[in-house]
Amino acid sequence: MIAMEEMAELTQVLSKLIRFGYTPDKDDRLIQEMGDVRLMIELLHDTFGVLTNDTYDAMMRKRNKLMKWSSLYE
């Protein structure tokens, strides 16, 4: 439940950055929420016994799809 709440808080920060534009003074909130989500992901690894290598492999598969189908890696 806490992981979902932290992810929602990051979603809210990102939505506001898109809506109102990014400025460096907003870094602190973005960095804090990203850190919170990363911690929750580590705890999810521990809770469910998921290996970091497995999620790394999933990340690379997603990265490859994004490289092919999006402009994020241009």
N, C-alpha and C. Protein backbone atom coordinates (compact mmCIF):
# COMPACT_ATOMS: atom_id res chain seq x y z
N MET A 1 0.82 -1.19 0.00
CA MET A 1 0.00 0.00 0.00
C MET A 1 0.87 1.26 0.00
N ILE A 2 1.90 1.28 0.85
CA ILE A 2 2.77 2.45 0.91
C ILE A 2 3.48 2.65 -0.43
N ALA A 3 3.89 1.54 -1.07
CA ALA A 3 4.55 1.65 -2.37
C ALA A 3 3.63 2.34 -3.38
N MET A 4 2.37 1.97 -3.37
CA MET A 4 1.41 2.60 -4.30
C MET A 4 1.26 4.09 -4.00
N GLU A 5 1.22 4.43 -2.72
CA GLU A 5 1.10 5.84 -2.34
C GLU A 5 2.32 6.64 -2.79
N GLU A 6 3.50 6.06 -2.61
CA GLU A 6 4.73 6.76 -3.03
C GLU A 6 4.76 6.93 -4.55
N MET A 7 4.34 5.92 -5.27
CA MET A 7 4.31 6.02 -6.73
C MET A 7 3.29 7.07 -7.18
N ALA A 8 2.18 7.16 -6.46
CA ALA A 8 1.17 8.18 -6.77
C ALA A 8 1.72 9.58 -6.52
N GLU A 9 2.52 9.73 -5.46
CA GLU A 9 3.12 11.04 -5.18
C GLU A 9 4.10 11.43 -6.28
N LEU A 10 4.88 10.48 -6.79
CA LEU A 10 5.78 10.77 -7.91
C LEU A 10 4.98 11.12 -9.15
N THR A 11 3.90 10.40 -9.37
CA THR A 11 3.02 10.69 -10.52
C THR A 11 2.50 12.12 -10.43
N GLN A 12 2.11 12.53 -9.24
CA GLN A 12 1.58 13.88 -9.05
C GLN A 12 2.65 14.94 -9.36
N VAL A 13 3.86 14.72 -8.87
CA VAL A 13 4.95 15.67 -9.13
C VAL A 13 5.23 15.75 -10.63
N LEU A 14 5.30 14.61 -11.29
CA LEU A 14 5.56 14.60 -12.73
C LEU A 14 4.44 15.29 -13.51
N SER A 15 3.21 15.05 -13.10
CA SER A 15 2.07 15.70 -13.76
C SER A 15 2.15 17.22 -13.64
N LYS A 16 2.54 17.69 -12.45
CA LYS A 16 2.66 19.13 -12.26
C LYS A 16 3.81 19.70 -13.08
N LEU A 17 4.89 18.94 -13.22
CA LEU A 17 6.01 19.41 -14.05
C LEU A 17 5.58 19.54 -15.51
N ILE A 18 4.79 18.58 -15.97
CA ILE A 18 4.29 18.65 -17.35
C ILE A 18 3.32 19.82 -17.49
N ARG A 19 2.46 19.97 -16.51
CA ARG A 19 1.42 21.01 -16.58
C ARG A 19 1.99 22.42 -16.47
N PHE A 20 2.90 22.61 -15.50
CA PHE A 20 3.39 23.96 -15.23
C PHE A 20 4.80 24.22 -15.73
N GLY A 21 5.48 23.17 -16.21
CA GLY A 21 6.82 23.33 -16.72
C GLY A 21 7.87 23.04 -15.66
N TYR A 22 8.99 22.56 -16.13
CA TYR A 22 10.09 22.23 -15.23
C TYR A 22 10.97 23.44 -15.00
N THR A 23 11.33 23.66 -13.76
CA THR A 23 12.34 24.64 -13.40
C THR A 23 13.23 24.01 -12.33
N PRO A 24 14.52 24.38 -12.31
CA PRO A 24 15.45 23.75 -11.37
C PRO A 24 15.03 23.85 -9.90
N ASP A 25 14.24 24.85 -9.54
CA ASP A 25 13.82 24.98 -8.13
C ASP A 25 12.87 23.86 -7.72
N LYS A 26 12.36 23.11 -8.67
CA LYS A 26 11.47 21.99 -8.36
C LYS A 26 12.21 20.67 -8.21
N ASP A 27 13.54 20.73 -8.34
CA ASP A 27 14.36 19.52 -8.23
C ASP A 27 14.20 18.79 -6.90
N ASP A 28 14.15 19.54 -5.81
CA ASP A 28 14.10 18.90 -4.48
C ASP A 28 12.92 17.96 -4.34
N ARG A 29 11.76 18.40 -4.75
CA ARG A 29 10.55 17.56 -4.62
C ARG A 29 10.64 16.35 -5.55
N LEU A 30 11.09 16.58 -6.78
CA LEU A 30 11.23 15.48 -7.74
C LEU A 30 12.22 14.45 -7.23
N ILE A 31 13.37 14.92 -6.76
CA ILE A 31 14.41 14.02 -6.26
C ILE A 31 13.90 13.24 -5.04
N GLN A 32 13.20 13.90 -4.14
CA GLN A 32 12.67 13.23 -2.95
C GLN A 32 11.69 12.12 -3.34
N GLU A 33 10.78 12.42 -4.25
CA GLU A 33 9.78 11.42 -4.65
C GLU A 33 10.42 10.27 -5.43
N MET A 34 11.40 10.58 -6.26
CA MET A 34 12.10 9.50 -6.97
C MET A 34 12.84 8.60 -5.98
N GLY A 35 13.46 9.20 -4.98
CA GLY A 35 14.15 8.42 -3.95
C GLY A 35 13.19 7.55 -3.16
N ASP A 36 12.03 8.11 -2.83
CA ASP A 36 11.02 7.33 -2.11
C ASP A 36 10.58 6.11 -2.92
N VAL A 37 10.36 6.30 -4.20
CA VAL A 37 9.91 5.20 -5.06
C VAL A 37 11.03 4.15 -5.21
N ARG A 38 12.25 4.60 -5.35
CA ARG A 38 13.36 3.64 -5.46
C ARG A 38 13.48 2.79 -4.20
N LEU A 39 13.30 3.42 -3.04
CA LEU A 39 13.33 2.66 -1.80
C LEU A 39 12.20 1.64 -1.76
N MET A 40 11.01 2.06 -2.16
CA MET A 40 9.87 1.14 -2.16
C MET A 40 10.12 -0.04 -3.10
N ILE A 41 10.76 0.22 -4.22
CA ILE A 41 11.07 -0.87 -5.16
C ILE A 41 12.06 -1.84 -4.52
N GLU A 42 13.05 -1.32 -3.80
CA GLU A 42 13.97 -2.21 -3.09
C GLU A 42 13.23 -3.06 -2.06
N LEU A 43 12.31 -2.44 -1.34
CA LEU A 43 11.53 -3.19 -0.35
C LEU A 43 10.64 -4.24 -1.03
N LEU A 44 10.11 -3.91 -2.21
CA LEU A 44 9.32 -4.89 -2.95
C LEU A 44 10.18 -6.09 -3.38
N HIS A 45 11.41 -5.82 -3.79
CA HIS A 45 12.34 -6.92 -4.09
C HIS A 45 12.46 -7.85 -2.90
N ASP A 46 12.70 -7.25 -1.74
CA ASP A 46 12.87 -8.04 -0.52
C ASP A 46 11.60 -8.79 -0.13
N THR A 47 10.48 -8.08 -0.17
CA THR A 47 9.21 -8.66 0.26
C THR A 47 8.80 -9.86 -0.58
N PHE A 48 8.99 -9.74 -1.90
CA PHE A 48 8.53 -10.79 -2.81
C PHE A 48 9.65 -11.70 -3.31
N GLY A 49 10.86 -11.46 -2.83
CA GLY A 49 11.97 -12.32 -3.22
C GLY A 49 12.33 -12.22 -4.69
N VAL A 50 12.13 -11.04 -5.25
CA VAL A 50 12.45 -10.83 -6.67
C VAL A 50 13.90 -10.37 -6.76
N LEU A 51 14.64 -11.01 -7.63
CA LEU A 51 16.06 -10.68 -7.80
C LEU A 51 16.23 -9.38 -8.58
N THR A 52 17.20 -8.59 -8.17
CA THR A 52 17.51 -7.34 -8.87
C THR A 52 17.84 -7.62 -10.32
N ASN A 53 18.55 -8.71 -10.60
CA ASN A 53 18.89 -9.05 -11.99
C ASN A 53 17.65 -9.25 -12.84
N ASP A 54 16.60 -9.83 -12.25
CA ASP A 54 15.37 -10.06 -13.01
C ASP A 54 14.70 -8.75 -13.39
N THR A 55 14.66 -7.80 -12.45
CA THR A 55 14.04 -6.53 -12.80
C THR A 55 14.95 -5.72 -13.73
N TYR A 56 16.26 -5.91 -13.61
CA TYR A 56 17.18 -5.25 -14.54
C TYR A 56 16.92 -5.75 -15.96
N ASP A 57 16.75 -7.04 -16.11
CA ASP A 57 16.45 -7.60 -17.43
C ASP A 57 15.14 -7.03 -17.98
N ALA A 58 14.15 -6.90 -17.12
CA ALA A 58 12.87 -6.31 -17.54
C ALA A 58 13.07 -4.85 -17.94
N MET A 59 13.91 -4.12 -17.21
CA MET A 59 14.21 -2.73 -17.55
C MET A 59 14.86 -2.63 -18.93
N MET A 60 15.77 -3.53 -19.23
CA MET A 60 16.46 -3.49 -20.52
C MET A 60 15.49 -3.82 -21.66
N ARG A 61 14.57 -4.75 -21.42
CA ARG A 61 13.57 -5.05 -22.45
C ARG A 61 12.71 -3.81 -22.71
N LYS A 62 12.30 -3.13 -21.65
CA LYS A 62 11.50 -1.91 -21.81
C LYS A 62 12.31 -0.82 -22.50
N ARG A 63 13.57 -0.68 -22.12
CA ARG A 63 14.44 0.32 -22.75
C ARG A 63 14.53 0.08 -24.24
N ASN A 64 14.71 -1.17 -24.63
CA ASN A 64 14.80 -1.50 -26.06
C ASN A 64 13.52 -1.15 -26.79
N LYS A 65 12.37 -1.41 -26.16
CA LYS A 65 11.09 -1.03 -26.79
C LYS A 65 10.98 0.48 -26.93
N LEU A 66 11.38 1.20 -25.87
CA LEU A 66 11.32 2.66 -25.94
C LEU A 66 12.26 3.21 -27.01
N MET A 67 13.41 2.60 -27.15
CA MET A 67 14.36 3.04 -28.18
C MET A 67 13.75 2.85 -29.57
N LYS A 68 12.96 1.84 -29.70
CA LYS A 68 12.36 1.54 -31.01
C LYS A 68 11.10 2.40 -31.26
N TRP A 69 10.27 2.58 -30.24
CA TRP A 69 8.95 3.14 -30.46
C TRP A 69 8.72 4.54 -29.88
N SER A 70 9.69 5.11 -29.20
CA SER A 70 9.45 6.44 -28.62
C SER A 70 10.62 7.37 -28.98
N SER A 71 10.44 8.62 -28.63
CA SER A 71 11.51 9.59 -28.88
C SER A 71 12.34 9.87 -27.63
N LEU A 72 12.15 9.08 -26.57
CA LEU A 72 12.88 9.32 -25.32
C LEU A 72 14.38 9.10 -25.45
N TYR A 73 14.80 8.28 -26.38
CA TYR A 73 16.23 7.97 -26.53
C TYR A 73 16.84 8.56 -27.79
N GLU A 74 16.25 9.60 -28.32
CA GLU A 74 16.81 10.24 -29.51
C GLU A 74 17.85 11.26 -29.13
